[in-house]
Amino acid sequence: MTRLLHLFHANQPTLLKTGSYYLIHIVVAACVAYAVTRNFWASLTLSLLEPTVQAVAYFFHEKAWNRAQTRKSHPPALAAAQ
């Protein structure tokens, strides 16, 4: 449990951003799915499934971008020596 708390605190801004994106995505996906299917239950299922997968992908996408930015601003010592 301590490890999960540490993970949450270390990634809190990204997790909060992911959460807000998730909520907006659910609303948009529900509206689009309902407009296409005219079926409340189908739109609810689609709007919960697809954004959930997207939210997980988004979290790792953000982590990869942050890592790339860190590498770009701090070049490896080996490259600096040449």
N, C-alpha and C. Protein backbone atom coordinates (compact mmCIF):
# COMPACT_ATOMS: atom_id res chain seq x y z
N MET A 1 0.83 -1.20 0.00
CA MET A 1 0.00 0.00 0.00
C MET A 1 0.87 1.26 0.00
N THR A 2 1.98 1.21 0.73
CA THR A 2 2.89 2.35 0.77
C THR A 2 3.44 2.65 -0.60
N ARG A 3 3.73 1.60 -1.34
CA ARG A 3 4.26 1.78 -2.69
C ARG A 3 3.24 2.48 -3.60
N LEU A 4 1.96 2.10 -3.46
CA LEU A 4 0.91 2.74 -4.25
C LEU A 4 0.75 4.21 -3.88
N LEU A 5 0.82 4.52 -2.59
CA LEU A 5 0.74 5.92 -2.16
C LEU A 5 1.91 6.72 -2.70
N HIS A 6 3.09 6.14 -2.66
CA HIS A 6 4.27 6.82 -3.20
C HIS A 6 4.10 7.05 -4.70
N LEU A 7 3.61 6.04 -5.40
CA LEU A 7 3.37 6.16 -6.84
C LEU A 7 2.36 7.26 -7.13
N PHE A 8 1.28 7.30 -6.32
CA PHE A 8 0.27 8.35 -6.51
C PHE A 8 0.87 9.73 -6.29
N HIS A 9 1.59 9.92 -5.19
CA HIS A 9 2.17 11.23 -4.89
C HIS A 9 3.22 11.64 -5.92
N ALA A 10 3.99 10.70 -6.40
CA ALA A 10 5.02 11.01 -7.39
C ALA A 10 4.41 11.40 -8.73
N ASN A 11 3.22 10.90 -9.01
CA ASN A 11 2.57 11.15 -10.30
C ASN A 11 1.26 11.92 -10.17
N GLN A 12 1.07 12.61 -9.07
CA GLN A 12 -0.22 13.26 -8.79
C GLN A 12 -0.68 14.21 -9.90
N PRO A 13 0.17 15.12 -10.41
CA PRO A 13 -0.33 16.01 -11.47
C PRO A 13 -0.80 15.25 -12.71
N THR A 14 -0.05 14.26 -13.11
CA THR A 14 -0.43 13.48 -14.30
C THR A 14 -1.70 12.68 -14.04
N LEU A 15 -1.83 12.12 -12.85
CA LEU A 15 -3.03 11.35 -12.52
C LEU A 15 -4.27 12.25 -12.46
N LEU A 16 -4.14 13.44 -11.90
CA LEU A 16 -5.28 14.37 -11.84
C LEU A 16 -5.67 14.83 -13.24
N LYS A 17 -4.67 15.11 -14.06
CA LYS A 17 -4.93 15.51 -15.45
C LYS A 17 -5.60 14.36 -16.21
N THR A 18 -5.14 13.15 -15.99
CA THR A 18 -5.73 11.97 -16.62
C THR A 18 -7.17 11.80 -16.16
N GLY A 19 -7.44 12.01 -14.87
CA GLY A 19 -8.80 11.88 -14.34
C GLY A 19 -9.76 12.88 -14.94
N SER A 20 -9.33 14.13 -15.07
CA SER A 20 -10.22 15.14 -15.65
C SER A 20 -10.46 14.85 -17.13
N TYR A 21 -9.43 14.42 -17.83
CA TYR A 21 -9.57 14.05 -19.23
C TYR A 21 -10.54 12.86 -19.37
N TYR A 22 -10.44 11.93 -18.46
CA TYR A 22 -11.29 10.74 -18.45
C TYR A 22 -12.77 11.12 -18.34
N LEU A 23 -13.09 12.02 -17.42
CA LEU A 23 -14.47 12.44 -17.23
C LEU A 23 -15.03 13.16 -18.47
N ILE A 24 -14.23 14.05 -19.03
CA ILE A 24 -14.66 14.75 -20.24
C ILE A 24 -14.86 13.75 -21.38
N HIS A 25 -13.95 12.81 -21.50
CA HIS A 25 -14.02 11.82 -22.57
C HIS A 25 -15.28 10.95 -22.43
N ILE A 26 -15.64 10.59 -21.21
CA ILE A 26 -16.84 9.78 -20.99
C ILE A 26 -18.08 10.52 -21.48
N VAL A 27 -18.18 11.80 -21.13
CA VAL A 27 -19.35 12.58 -21.54
C VAL A 27 -19.43 12.70 -23.06
N VAL A 28 -18.32 13.02 -23.68
CA VAL A 28 -18.29 13.15 -25.14
C VAL A 28 -18.60 11.81 -25.80
N ALA A 29 -17.96 10.75 -25.31
CA ALA A 29 -18.19 9.42 -25.90
C ALA A 29 -19.64 8.99 -25.73
N ALA A 30 -20.26 9.28 -24.59
CA ALA A 30 -21.65 8.92 -24.37
C ALA A 30 -22.56 9.65 -25.34
N CYS A 31 -22.31 10.93 -25.54
CA CYS A 31 -23.13 11.71 -26.47
C CYS A 31 -22.99 11.20 -27.90
N VAL A 32 -21.77 10.93 -28.31
CA VAL A 32 -21.54 10.43 -29.68
C VAL A 32 -22.16 9.04 -29.84
N ALA A 33 -21.93 8.16 -28.88
CA ALA A 33 -22.47 6.80 -28.98
C ALA A 33 -23.99 6.81 -28.99
N TYR A 34 -24.60 7.68 -28.20
CA TYR A 34 -26.06 7.76 -28.19
C TYR A 34 -26.58 8.32 -29.52
N ALA A 35 -25.88 9.30 -30.06
CA ALA A 35 -26.30 9.87 -31.35
C ALA A 35 -26.23 8.82 -32.46
N VAL A 36 -25.28 7.93 -32.37
CA VAL A 36 -25.13 6.89 -33.40
C VAL A 36 -26.09 5.72 -33.17
N THR A 37 -26.21 5.26 -31.92
CA THR A 37 -26.99 4.05 -31.65
C THR A 37 -28.43 4.31 -31.24
N ARG A 38 -28.70 5.48 -30.67
CA ARG A 38 -30.01 5.79 -30.09
C ARG A 38 -30.40 4.76 -29.03
N ASN A 39 -29.38 4.16 -28.42
CA ASN A 39 -29.60 3.15 -27.39
C ASN A 39 -28.82 3.58 -26.15
N PHE A 40 -29.56 3.85 -25.07
CA PHE A 40 -28.92 4.34 -23.85
C PHE A 40 -27.90 3.36 -23.30
N TRP A 41 -28.24 2.08 -23.20
CA TRP A 41 -27.34 1.10 -22.59
C TRP A 41 -26.10 0.85 -23.45
N ALA A 42 -26.27 0.81 -24.74
CA ALA A 42 -25.12 0.65 -25.63
C ALA A 42 -24.20 1.86 -25.53
N SER A 43 -24.78 3.06 -25.50
CA SER A 43 -23.95 4.26 -25.40
C SER A 43 -23.24 4.33 -24.05
N LEU A 44 -23.91 3.89 -22.97
CA LEU A 44 -23.27 3.88 -21.66
C LEU A 44 -22.11 2.89 -21.63
N THR A 45 -22.32 1.71 -22.19
CA THR A 45 -21.25 0.70 -22.23
C THR A 45 -20.06 1.20 -23.04
N LEU A 46 -20.33 1.71 -24.22
CA LEU A 46 -19.25 2.22 -25.07
C LEU A 46 -18.53 3.40 -24.42
N SER A 47 -19.29 4.28 -23.78
CA SER A 47 -18.68 5.47 -23.19
C SER A 47 -17.85 5.15 -21.95
N LEU A 48 -18.08 4.04 -21.32
CA LEU A 48 -17.24 3.65 -20.18
C LEU A 48 -16.04 2.81 -20.60
N LEU A 49 -16.23 1.97 -21.58
CA LEU A 49 -15.16 1.07 -22.02
C LEU A 49 -14.03 1.80 -22.75
N GLU A 50 -14.37 2.51 -23.80
CA GLU A 50 -13.35 3.15 -24.63
C GLU A 50 -12.55 4.21 -23.87
N PRO A 51 -13.18 5.13 -23.12
CA PRO A 51 -12.38 6.12 -22.38
C PRO A 51 -11.51 5.51 -21.28
N THR A 52 -11.95 4.41 -20.71
CA THR A 52 -11.13 3.76 -19.68
C THR A 52 -9.82 3.27 -20.29
N VAL A 53 -9.91 2.64 -21.44
CA VAL A 53 -8.69 2.19 -22.13
C VAL A 53 -7.85 3.39 -22.54
N GLN A 54 -8.50 4.44 -23.04
CA GLN A 54 -7.78 5.65 -23.45
C GLN A 54 -7.10 6.33 -22.27
N ALA A 55 -7.73 6.35 -21.10
CA ALA A 55 -7.14 6.99 -19.92
C ALA A 55 -5.86 6.30 -19.50
N VAL A 56 -5.86 4.98 -19.54
CA VAL A 56 -4.64 4.23 -19.19
C VAL A 56 -3.55 4.53 -20.22
N ALA A 57 -3.92 4.51 -21.49
CA ALA A 57 -2.94 4.82 -22.54
C ALA A 57 -2.42 6.25 -22.40
N TYR A 58 -3.30 7.18 -22.06
CA TYR A 58 -2.92 8.59 -21.91
C TYR A 58 -1.90 8.77 -20.78
N PHE A 59 -2.12 8.08 -19.66
CA PHE A 59 -1.19 8.17 -18.53
C PHE A 59 0.22 7.78 -18.97
N PHE A 60 0.34 6.65 -19.66
CA PHE A 60 1.66 6.20 -20.09
C PHE A 60 2.22 7.08 -21.21
N HIS A 61 1.36 7.64 -22.02
CA HIS A 61 1.78 8.59 -23.05
C HIS A 61 2.39 9.83 -22.41
N GLU A 62 1.75 10.36 -21.38
CA GLU A 62 2.27 11.52 -20.65
C GLU A 62 3.62 11.20 -20.00
N LYS A 63 3.72 10.02 -19.41
CA LYS A 63 4.98 9.63 -18.76
C LYS A 63 6.10 9.55 -19.79
N ALA A 64 5.80 9.01 -20.96
CA ALA A 64 6.82 8.92 -22.02
C ALA A 64 7.24 10.31 -22.49
N TRP A 65 6.30 11.23 -22.66
CA TRP A 65 6.63 12.59 -23.07
C TRP A 65 7.47 13.30 -22.00
N ASN A 66 7.10 13.10 -20.73
CA ASN A 66 7.89 13.72 -19.65
C ASN A 66 9.31 13.17 -19.64
N ARG A 67 9.46 11.88 -19.84
CA ARG A 67 10.78 11.27 -19.88
C ARG A 67 11.59 11.80 -21.06
N ALA A 68 10.94 11.95 -22.20
CA ALA A 68 11.63 12.49 -23.39
C ALA A 68 12.07 13.93 -23.16
N GLN A 69 11.24 14.73 -22.53
CA GLN A 69 11.60 16.12 -22.23
C GLN A 69 12.78 16.18 -21.25
N THR A 70 12.79 15.30 -20.27
CA THR A 70 13.89 15.26 -19.31
C THR A 70 15.19 14.88 -20.00
N ARG A 71 15.13 13.89 -20.87
CA ARG A 71 16.33 13.47 -21.61
C ARG A 71 16.83 14.59 -22.53
N LYS A 72 15.91 15.31 -23.12
CA LYS A 72 16.27 16.39 -24.03
C LYS A 72 16.96 17.53 -23.28
N SER A 73 16.51 17.82 -22.07
CA SER A 73 17.09 18.92 -21.30
C SER A 73 18.34 18.51 -20.53
N HIS A 74 18.55 17.22 -20.37
CA HIS A 74 19.75 16.70 -19.67
C HIS A 74 20.43 15.66 -20.54
N PRO A 75 21.26 16.04 -21.50
CA PRO A 75 21.91 15.05 -22.37
C PRO A 75 22.82 14.13 -21.55
N PRO A 76 23.00 12.92 -22.00
CA PRO A 76 23.88 11.99 -21.29
C PRO A 76 25.32 12.52 -21.23
N ALA A 77 26.03 12.15 -20.19
CA ALA A 77 27.40 12.61 -19.99
C ALA A 77 28.31 12.15 -21.12
N LEU A 78 28.06 10.98 -21.68
CA LEU A 78 28.89 10.45 -22.74
C LEU A 78 28.82 11.34 -23.98
N ALA A 79 27.61 11.80 -24.33
CA ALA A 79 27.47 12.66 -25.50
C ALA A 79 28.11 14.03 -25.25
N ALA A 80 28.09 14.51 -24.04
CA ALA A 80 28.66 15.80 -23.70
C ALA A 80 30.19 15.76 -23.76
N ALA A 81 30.78 14.59 -23.52
CA ALA A 81 32.25 14.46 -23.49
C ALA A 81 32.84 14.48 -24.90
N GLN A 82 32.04 14.20 -25.91
CA GLN A 82 32.58 14.11 -27.27
C GLN A 82 32.73 15.44 -27.91
